[in-house]
Amino acid sequence: MSVSNRSEERVAMNVPVMLPDGSLGTTRDISASGIYFETDSLPLVSPLAFTVEFRNDTGAGMALRCRGQVLRVERNNGRVGIAARILESRLEPRRPPVEIAKLVITDGFADSF
């Protein structure tokens, strides 16, 4: 029987993780003090900055911006698994992407020919 040193309950979930270099990952589980996620790239710095995105159907939701200490790196089927202790976190509203409309300005003169 194994004894766990974890002080918070882990929640298994599959949500997007963004790294500062634009790389994307996916969580496997998260708790108040730690996270495990998989990505295609190997982060080379610790503490590591990352954002966990909780979205609804419209793309809105919450973004958990974190700084974490990398505890373990695992290679698994061509992906990189990162276990990290969350050192700091900030929860912010995440708004859906804004579509930018193209504005065309004309003086009317060119349109008269």
Protein backbone atom coordinates (compact mmCIF):
# COMPACT_ATOMS: atom_id res chain seq x y z
CA MET A 1 0.00 0.00 0.00
CA SER A 2 1.41 3.34 -1.03
CA VAL A 3 1.21 6.45 1.14
CA SER A 4 0.72 9.79 -0.62
CA ASN A 5 2.48 12.97 0.49
CA ARG A 6 -0.09 15.15 -1.29
CA SER A 7 -1.96 17.64 0.86
CA GLU A 8 -4.63 18.53 -1.75
CA GLU A 9 -6.98 16.34 -3.73
CA ARG A 10 -6.12 15.91 -7.41
CA VAL A 11 -8.79 16.39 -10.03
CA ALA A 12 -8.44 14.50 -13.30
CA MET A 13 -9.25 16.83 -16.18
CA ASN A 14 -8.31 17.42 -19.77
CA VAL A 15 -8.04 21.19 -20.42
CA PRO A 16 -5.62 23.26 -22.54
CA VAL A 17 -2.32 24.56 -21.17
CA MET A 18 -0.39 27.35 -22.92
CA LEU A 19 3.34 27.91 -22.47
CA PRO A 20 5.03 31.30 -23.00
CA ASP A 21 6.65 30.19 -26.29
CA GLY A 22 3.19 29.46 -27.73
CA SER A 23 3.42 25.70 -27.22
CA LEU A 24 0.21 23.96 -26.23
CA GLY A 25 -0.36 21.11 -23.84
CA THR A 26 -3.17 19.27 -22.08
CA THR A 27 -3.62 18.66 -18.37
CA ARG A 28 -3.94 15.16 -17.00
CA ASP A 29 -4.66 16.28 -13.45
CA ILE A 30 -4.47 19.38 -11.28
CA SER A 31 -4.72 20.31 -7.59
CA ALA A 32 -4.40 23.54 -5.64
CA SER A 33 -0.64 23.04 -5.37
CA GLY A 34 0.36 21.03 -8.44
CA ILE A 35 -0.29 20.03 -12.02
CA TYR A 36 0.62 17.33 -14.49
CA PHE A 37 0.31 18.12 -18.18
CA GLU A 38 1.58 16.77 -21.48
CA THR A 39 3.00 18.80 -24.34
CA ASP A 40 5.04 18.26 -27.51
CA SER A 41 7.88 20.57 -26.46
CA LEU A 42 10.30 20.39 -23.58
CA PRO A 43 10.31 23.56 -21.45
CA LEU A 44 13.89 24.44 -20.56
CA VAL A 45 13.26 26.76 -17.61
CA SER A 46 12.12 26.37 -14.04
CA PRO A 47 10.26 28.17 -12.61
CA LEU A 48 7.97 27.65 -15.57
CA ALA A 49 5.19 30.03 -16.58
CA PHE A 50 2.02 28.48 -17.99
CA THR A 51 -1.68 29.22 -18.34
CA VAL A 52 -4.45 26.68 -17.78
CA GLU A 53 -7.54 27.60 -19.79
CA PHE A 54 -11.06 26.76 -18.67
CA ARG A 55 -13.42 27.54 -21.57
CA ASN A 56 -17.12 27.27 -22.23
CA ASP A 57 -18.78 26.70 -25.63
CA THR A 58 -18.39 30.37 -26.65
CA GLY A 59 -14.66 30.44 -25.89
CA ALA A 60 -15.16 32.55 -22.76
CA GLY A 61 -14.23 31.21 -19.34
CA MET A 62 -11.32 31.55 -16.92
CA ALA A 63 -7.55 31.50 -17.31
CA LEU A 64 -5.36 30.32 -14.43
CA ARG A 65 -1.99 32.01 -14.92
CA CYS A 66 0.71 30.13 -13.01
CA ARG A 67 4.37 30.01 -12.18
CA GLY A 68 5.54 26.57 -11.20
CA GLN A 69 8.62 24.58 -10.24
CA VAL A 70 9.22 21.59 -12.51
CA LEU A 71 9.42 18.46 -10.37
CA ARG A 72 9.57 15.73 -12.99
CA VAL A 73 9.81 15.38 -16.78
CA GLU A 74 8.72 12.16 -18.49
CA ARG A 75 8.81 11.10 -22.12
CA ASN A 76 5.74 9.12 -23.17
CA ASN A 77 4.82 8.13 -26.74
CA GLY A 78 6.55 11.14 -28.30
CA ARG A 79 5.05 13.60 -25.82
CA VAL A 80 6.61 15.25 -22.77
CA GLY A 81 4.90 14.93 -19.39
CA ILE A 82 5.57 17.73 -16.91
CA ALA A 83 4.83 17.46 -13.18
CA ALA A 84 5.08 20.86 -11.51
CA ARG A 85 4.43 22.43 -8.13
CA ILE A 86 2.34 25.59 -8.48
CA LEU A 87 4.26 28.41 -6.76
CA GLU A 88 1.98 31.30 -7.74
CA SER A 89 -1.36 31.50 -9.52
CA ARG A 90 -3.84 34.15 -10.58
CA LEU A 91 -7.34 33.43 -11.89
CA GLU A 92 -8.55 35.85 -14.58
CA PRO A 93 -11.60 36.04 -16.82
CA ARG A 94 -10.97 34.69 -20.29
CA ARG A 95 -12.95 36.36 -23.01
CA PRO A 96 -13.79 34.81 -26.35
CA PRO A 97 -11.55 35.84 -29.24
CA VAL A 98 -12.62 39.12 -30.78
CA GLU A 99 -13.20 39.12 -34.50
CA ILE A 100 -11.66 42.20 -36.08
CA ALA A 101 -13.71 43.65 -38.90
CA LYS A 102 -11.92 44.97 -41.94
CA LEU A 103 -12.54 48.67 -42.41
CA VAL A 104 -12.48 50.00 -45.96
CA ILE A 105 -12.29 53.75 -46.36
CA THR A 106 -13.09 55.30 -49.69
CA ASP A 107 -13.36 58.90 -50.73
CA GLY A 108 -16.09 58.10 -53.24
CA PHE A 109 -14.06 59.55 -56.11
CA ALA A 110 -12.60 56.20 -57.26
CA ASP A 111 -16.05 54.63 -57.04
CA SER A 112 -17.51 57.11 -59.57
CA PHE A 113 -15.69 55.61 -62.60
